[in-house]
Amino acid sequence: MRKILTLFLLLITFSYGKPLIVTTVKPIADIISAVEGKKVEYLIPPGVSPHVYEFRISQLKKAYKADLFVFLGTGEPKLTGLLESIPKNKKIKVINIPNLKLLKDENGDIHPALWLDPDNARVIAKYITNKLSQIDPVNKEVYQQNLEKFLKQIKEIKEYGKNRFSKLPDKKFISYHYAWPYFTKAFGLEYIGVIEMGHGREPTPQHLLKIIYLIKKYKISAIFAAKQFYNPRYTKLIIDQTGIRVVFLDPFGIDKDYIQMLRFNIDQIYKAKTQ
């Protein structure tokens, strides 16, 4: 009887000792958290641009010690050295996950903000569920239940966004930074202009005049920006010439989980185009 009780206690302890997962960006951490059932740690603060962030040694140590390190593989600070030291079965390069809908950025590279398409979040969640079930079979049913709940939420938020935007007479979209190709494509918006000509590249006067022309021609009501990628210096001329508003979105979910982040952005865009 004592042996059976001891074995039972060991199984309970193991079942709650879920794998330690570390990711580079918060949205991917949020997707994995929905499946694993606990908060997953991420390295890059969601309020800063990942393009210019510098990892600290303590963060890299956390990634090395994790049971699973998940990184985008594009648009992040270089992870040279760390990736070579982590065993292949303990790391996941997100852009290598099969069946993702991947788009190119202005440089021809894979655009990193792939999570802004809910269909990609669905693919990532399923892949992670299978991976977790392999390395932690005791909690396999828990992961599957969490996945089913998350997939339902994804379906609902995509339907919510498409329904809201389907009622808009104006679906044209201009942003400060080219952060939204996945989002606009997923929800049926038309991306017609970007102010910043690539990350860190200031717009030329000719380019600003082109944006002003588009705003006036299509009677665009707002430019969409994110605090992680924004310099008001380059929008001043546009605002002075058109009176357009700058409306801030949040591609990383600074103080929101994944589903909340999508809903916030949907509502911000809808309000900006209907007020």
Protein backbone atom coordinates (compact mmCIF):
# COMPACT_ATOMS: atom_id res chain seq x y z
CA MET A 1 0.00 0.00 0.00
CA ARG A 2 2.84 2.38 0.91
CA LYS A 3 4.55 1.66 -2.42
CA ILE A 4 1.36 2.40 -4.34
CA LEU A 5 0.90 5.70 -2.46
CA THR A 6 4.48 6.70 -3.15
CA LEU A 7 4.09 5.95 -6.86
CA PHE A 8 0.85 7.94 -6.96
CA LEU A 9 2.54 10.97 -5.35
CA LEU A 10 5.40 10.75 -7.82
CA LEU A 11 2.98 10.71 -10.74
CA ILE A 12 1.16 13.75 -9.39
CA THR A 13 4.42 15.62 -8.97
CA PHE A 14 5.53 14.74 -12.49
CA SER A 15 2.20 15.67 -14.06
CA TYR A 16 2.46 19.19 -12.71
CA GLY A 17 6.11 19.56 -13.59
CA LYS A 18 5.39 20.78 -17.10
CA PRO A 19 8.31 21.50 -19.43
CA LEU A 20 10.07 24.84 -19.11
CA ILE A 21 9.61 26.72 -22.38
CA VAL A 22 11.33 29.99 -23.30
CA THR A 23 10.54 32.03 -26.43
CA THR A 24 11.92 35.20 -27.97
CA VAL A 25 8.70 37.23 -28.39
CA LYS A 26 5.56 37.58 -26.28
CA PRO A 27 2.91 36.71 -28.90
CA ILE A 28 4.50 33.31 -29.49
CA ALA A 29 4.77 32.86 -25.73
CA ASP A 30 1.05 33.68 -25.41
CA ILE A 31 0.11 31.07 -28.02
CA ILE A 32 2.19 28.43 -26.25
CA SER A 33 0.83 29.50 -22.85
CA ALA A 34 -2.69 28.84 -24.09
CA VAL A 35 -1.69 25.25 -24.85
CA GLU A 36 0.59 24.53 -21.90
CA GLY A 37 -1.72 26.13 -19.36
CA LYS A 38 0.90 28.28 -17.66
CA LYS A 39 2.72 31.49 -18.54
CA VAL A 40 5.64 30.95 -20.87
CA GLU A 41 8.69 33.16 -20.51
CA TYR A 42 9.85 35.41 -23.36
CA LEU A 43 13.11 37.30 -23.80
CA ILE A 44 12.24 40.48 -25.74
CA PRO A 45 10.03 43.02 -23.90
CA PRO A 46 6.85 43.61 -25.95
CA GLY A 47 7.16 47.39 -25.74
CA VAL A 48 10.39 47.63 -27.75
CA SER A 49 11.42 46.87 -31.31
CA PRO A 50 12.86 43.36 -31.57
CA HIS A 51 15.00 44.56 -34.49
CA VAL A 52 17.26 46.57 -32.20
CA TYR A 53 16.98 44.68 -28.90
CA GLU A 54 20.15 43.22 -27.41
CA PHE A 55 19.86 40.00 -25.41
CA ARG A 56 21.39 39.93 -21.95
CA ILE A 57 23.65 37.07 -20.89
CA SER A 58 21.16 36.09 -18.16
CA GLN A 59 18.41 35.74 -20.77
CA LEU A 60 20.52 33.54 -22.99
CA LYS A 61 21.26 31.31 -20.00
CA LYS A 62 17.51 30.87 -19.45
CA ALA A 63 17.05 29.88 -23.07
CA TYR A 64 19.90 27.37 -22.79
CA LYS A 65 18.43 25.75 -19.67
CA ALA A 66 14.90 25.50 -21.08
CA ASP A 67 13.34 22.18 -22.03
CA LEU A 68 12.23 23.88 -25.24
CA PHE A 69 13.49 27.12 -26.80
CA VAL A 70 11.15 28.60 -29.43
CA PHE A 71 12.43 31.38 -31.70
CA LEU A 72 11.05 32.99 -34.85
CA GLY A 73 14.11 32.63 -37.05
CA THR A 74 13.53 36.03 -38.68
CA GLY A 75 13.44 39.67 -37.53
CA GLU A 76 15.13 38.91 -34.20
CA PRO A 77 18.51 39.83 -32.70
CA LYS A 78 21.17 37.32 -33.72
CA LEU A 79 21.29 34.15 -31.64
CA THR A 80 24.61 32.92 -33.00
CA GLY A 81 26.35 30.66 -30.51
CA LEU A 82 23.27 29.96 -28.42
CA LEU A 83 21.44 28.05 -31.14
CA GLU A 84 24.50 25.93 -31.89
CA SER A 85 24.75 24.96 -28.22
CA ILE A 86 21.12 23.84 -27.82
CA PRO A 87 20.32 20.26 -28.91
CA LYS A 88 18.16 19.99 -32.03
CA ASN A 89 15.29 18.32 -30.17
CA LYS A 90 15.12 21.22 -27.68
CA LYS A 91 14.60 24.09 -30.10
CA ILE A 92 11.90 25.09 -32.55
CA LYS A 93 12.38 27.57 -35.37
CA VAL A 94 8.88 28.90 -35.92
CA ILE A 95 9.25 29.77 -39.61
CA ASN A 96 10.16 26.11 -40.23
CA ILE A 97 6.83 24.86 -38.85
CA PRO A 98 4.93 23.26 -41.78
CA ASN A 99 1.76 24.84 -43.23
CA LEU A 100 2.33 28.40 -42.03
CA LYS A 101 1.24 31.23 -44.32
CA LEU A 102 4.48 33.18 -44.71
CA LEU A 103 4.86 36.59 -46.37
CA LYS A 104 7.93 38.58 -47.42
CA ASP A 105 8.99 41.98 -46.05
CA GLU A 106 10.32 44.94 -48.03
CA ASN A 107 13.77 43.30 -48.19
CA GLY A 108 12.48 39.99 -49.53
CA ASP A 109 12.95 38.22 -46.19
CA ILE A 110 10.20 36.35 -44.34
CA HIS A 111 8.20 38.92 -42.41
CA PRO A 112 8.45 38.13 -38.68
CA ALA A 113 4.97 39.21 -37.47
CA LEU A 114 3.39 35.96 -38.67
CA TRP A 115 1.31 35.60 -35.49
CA LEU A 116 -0.95 38.44 -36.66
CA ASP A 117 -2.70 35.94 -38.92
CA PRO A 118 -4.91 33.81 -36.62
CA ASP A 119 -4.53 30.87 -39.00
CA ASN A 120 -0.80 30.87 -38.24
CA ALA A 121 -1.52 30.90 -34.51
CA ARG A 122 -3.69 27.81 -35.08
CA VAL A 123 -0.85 26.01 -36.89
CA ILE A 124 1.69 26.94 -34.20
CA ALA A 125 -0.63 25.85 -31.38
CA LYS A 126 -1.21 22.44 -32.99
CA TYR A 127 2.51 21.91 -33.59
CA ILE A 128 3.40 22.86 -30.02
CA THR A 129 0.67 20.57 -28.66
CA ASN A 130 2.20 17.61 -30.49
CA LYS A 131 5.69 18.56 -29.28
CA LEU A 132 4.58 18.92 -25.66
CA SER A 133 2.70 15.64 -25.81
CA GLN A 134 5.88 13.91 -26.92
CA ILE A 135 8.14 15.30 -24.20
CA ASP A 136 5.47 15.26 -21.46
CA PRO A 137 3.01 12.43 -22.26
CA VAL A 138 1.55 12.50 -18.73
CA ASN A 139 -0.13 15.83 -19.53
CA LYS A 140 -1.09 14.95 -23.11
CA GLU A 141 -4.84 15.14 -22.46
CA VAL A 142 -4.47 18.50 -20.72
CA TYR A 143 -2.59 19.93 -23.69
CA GLN A 144 -5.20 18.61 -26.11
CA GLN A 145 -8.05 20.09 -24.07
CA ASN A 146 -6.27 23.45 -23.89
CA LEU A 147 -5.66 23.34 -27.64
CA GLU A 148 -9.32 22.72 -28.43
CA LYS A 149 -10.34 25.66 -26.25
CA PHE A 150 -7.74 27.92 -27.91
CA LEU A 151 -8.74 26.86 -31.43
CA LYS A 152 -12.33 27.80 -30.63
CA GLN A 153 -11.17 31.24 -29.47
CA ILE A 154 -9.15 31.71 -32.64
CA LYS A 155 -12.12 30.81 -34.82
CA GLU A 156 -14.32 33.25 -32.91
CA ILE A 157 -11.85 36.16 -33.09
CA LYS A 158 -11.28 35.68 -36.81
CA GLU A 159 -15.01 35.64 -37.48
CA TYR A 160 -15.40 38.70 -35.25
CA GLY A 161 -12.78 40.66 -37.20
CA LYS A 162 -13.96 39.65 -40.64
CA ASN A 163 -17.56 40.48 -39.76
CA ARG A 164 -16.62 43.92 -38.42
CA PHE A 165 -14.44 44.81 -41.39
CA SER A 166 -16.90 43.45 -43.96
CA LYS A 167 -19.19 46.35 -43.05
CA LEU A 168 -16.53 49.00 -43.76
CA PRO A 169 -16.95 51.00 -46.97
CA ASP A 170 -13.24 51.87 -46.74
CA LYS A 171 -10.88 48.91 -46.30
CA LYS A 172 -7.71 50.72 -47.32
CA PHE A 173 -4.88 50.64 -44.79
CA ILE A 174 -1.82 52.87 -44.34
CA SER A 175 0.68 52.28 -41.53
CA TYR A 176 3.82 53.93 -40.27
CA HIS A 177 5.88 50.71 -40.24
CA TYR A 178 5.31 47.65 -42.42
CA ALA A 179 4.09 45.59 -39.47
CA TRP A 180 0.66 44.45 -40.66
CA PRO A 181 0.76 42.40 -43.89
CA TYR A 182 -0.41 39.21 -42.13
CA PHE A 183 -3.19 41.01 -40.29
CA THR A 184 -4.55 42.92 -43.28
CA LYS A 185 -4.51 39.84 -45.50
CA ALA A 186 -6.19 37.67 -42.86
CA PHE A 187 -8.99 40.16 -42.23
CA GLY A 188 -9.64 41.45 -45.75
CA LEU A 189 -8.07 44.90 -45.55
CA GLU A 190 -6.13 46.51 -48.42
CA TYR A 191 -2.58 47.58 -47.54
CA ILE A 192 -1.83 50.59 -49.80
CA GLY A 193 0.99 52.48 -48.11
CA VAL A 194 3.77 52.55 -45.52
CA ILE A 195 5.53 55.69 -44.29
CA GLU A 196 8.82 54.21 -43.09
CA MET A 197 10.75 52.83 -46.07
CA GLY A 198 12.12 49.77 -44.30
CA HIS A 199 13.19 49.51 -40.68
CA GLY A 200 15.20 52.57 -39.68
CA ARG A 201 15.05 54.10 -43.17
CA GLU A 202 13.57 57.57 -43.11
CA PRO A 203 11.09 58.43 -45.85
CA THR A 204 12.19 60.72 -48.65
CA PRO A 205 10.22 63.92 -49.41
CA GLN A 206 8.98 62.26 -52.60
CA HIS A 207 7.71 59.27 -50.63
CA LEU A 208 5.89 61.51 -48.14
CA LEU A 209 4.23 63.35 -51.01
CA LYS A 210 3.06 60.01 -52.40
CA ILE A 211 1.50 59.09 -49.02
CA ILE A 212 -0.21 62.50 -48.88
CA TYR A 213 -1.58 61.91 -52.37
CA LEU A 214 -2.99 58.49 -51.38
CA ILE A 215 -4.61 59.89 -48.24
CA LYS A 216 -6.33 62.67 -50.18
CA LYS A 217 -7.30 60.46 -53.11
CA TYR A 218 -8.93 57.76 -51.00
CA LYS A 219 -10.01 59.99 -48.11
CA ILE A 220 -8.09 57.89 -45.60
CA SER A 221 -9.11 58.70 -42.03
CA ALA A 222 -6.14 57.38 -40.05
CA ILE A 223 -2.55 56.22 -40.18
CA PHE A 224 -1.95 53.16 -38.02
CA ALA A 225 1.20 52.97 -35.93
CA ALA A 226 2.73 50.98 -33.08
CA LYS A 227 4.80 52.44 -30.27
CA GLN A 228 7.55 49.91 -30.98
CA PHE A 229 8.07 51.38 -34.47
CA TYR A 230 7.25 55.08 -34.60
CA ASN A 231 8.94 58.44 -35.08
CA PRO A 232 6.51 61.41 -35.05
CA ARG A 233 9.06 63.48 -36.93
CA TYR A 234 8.11 61.76 -40.18
CA THR A 235 4.35 62.03 -39.78
CA LYS A 236 4.28 65.76 -38.96
CA LEU A 237 4.29 66.89 -42.60
CA ILE A 238 1.56 64.39 -43.48
CA ILE A 239 -0.62 65.51 -40.58
CA ASP A 240 -0.08 69.18 -41.42
CA GLN A 241 -1.07 68.60 -45.05
CA THR A 242 -4.04 66.27 -44.50
CA GLY A 243 -5.25 66.59 -40.90
CA ILE A 244 -5.11 62.81 -40.62
CA ARG A 245 -5.01 61.09 -37.21
CA VAL A 246 -2.42 58.63 -35.98
CA VAL A 247 -4.08 55.64 -34.29
CA PHE A 248 -1.91 53.28 -32.27
CA LEU A 249 -2.24 49.53 -32.55
CA ASP A 250 -0.38 46.86 -30.61
CA PRO A 251 1.19 43.99 -32.59
CA PHE A 252 2.82 42.39 -29.52
CA GLY A 253 0.12 42.49 -26.84
CA ILE A 254 1.98 44.63 -24.31
CA ASP A 255 -0.62 44.17 -21.59
CA LYS A 256 -2.94 41.68 -23.29
CA ASP A 257 -2.92 38.00 -24.17
CA TYR A 258 -3.02 36.85 -27.79
CA ILE A 259 -6.79 36.90 -28.29
CA GLN A 260 -7.18 40.20 -26.43
CA MET A 261 -4.46 41.73 -28.58
CA LEU A 262 -6.23 40.78 -31.81
CA ARG A 263 -9.56 42.08 -30.54
CA PHE A 264 -7.96 45.39 -29.48
CA ASN A 265 -6.46 45.92 -32.94
CA ILE A 266 -9.69 44.99 -34.70
CA ASP A 267 -11.66 47.44 -32.57
CA GLN A 268 -9.10 50.24 -32.96
CA ILE A 269 -9.17 49.97 -36.74
CA TYR A 270 -12.95 49.71 -36.89
CA LYS A 271 -13.44 52.78 -34.68
CA ALA A 272 -10.88 54.80 -36.65
CA LYS A 273 -12.70 54.06 -39.90
CA THR A 274 -16.24 54.65 -38.65
CA GLN A 275 -15.93 57.72 -36.42
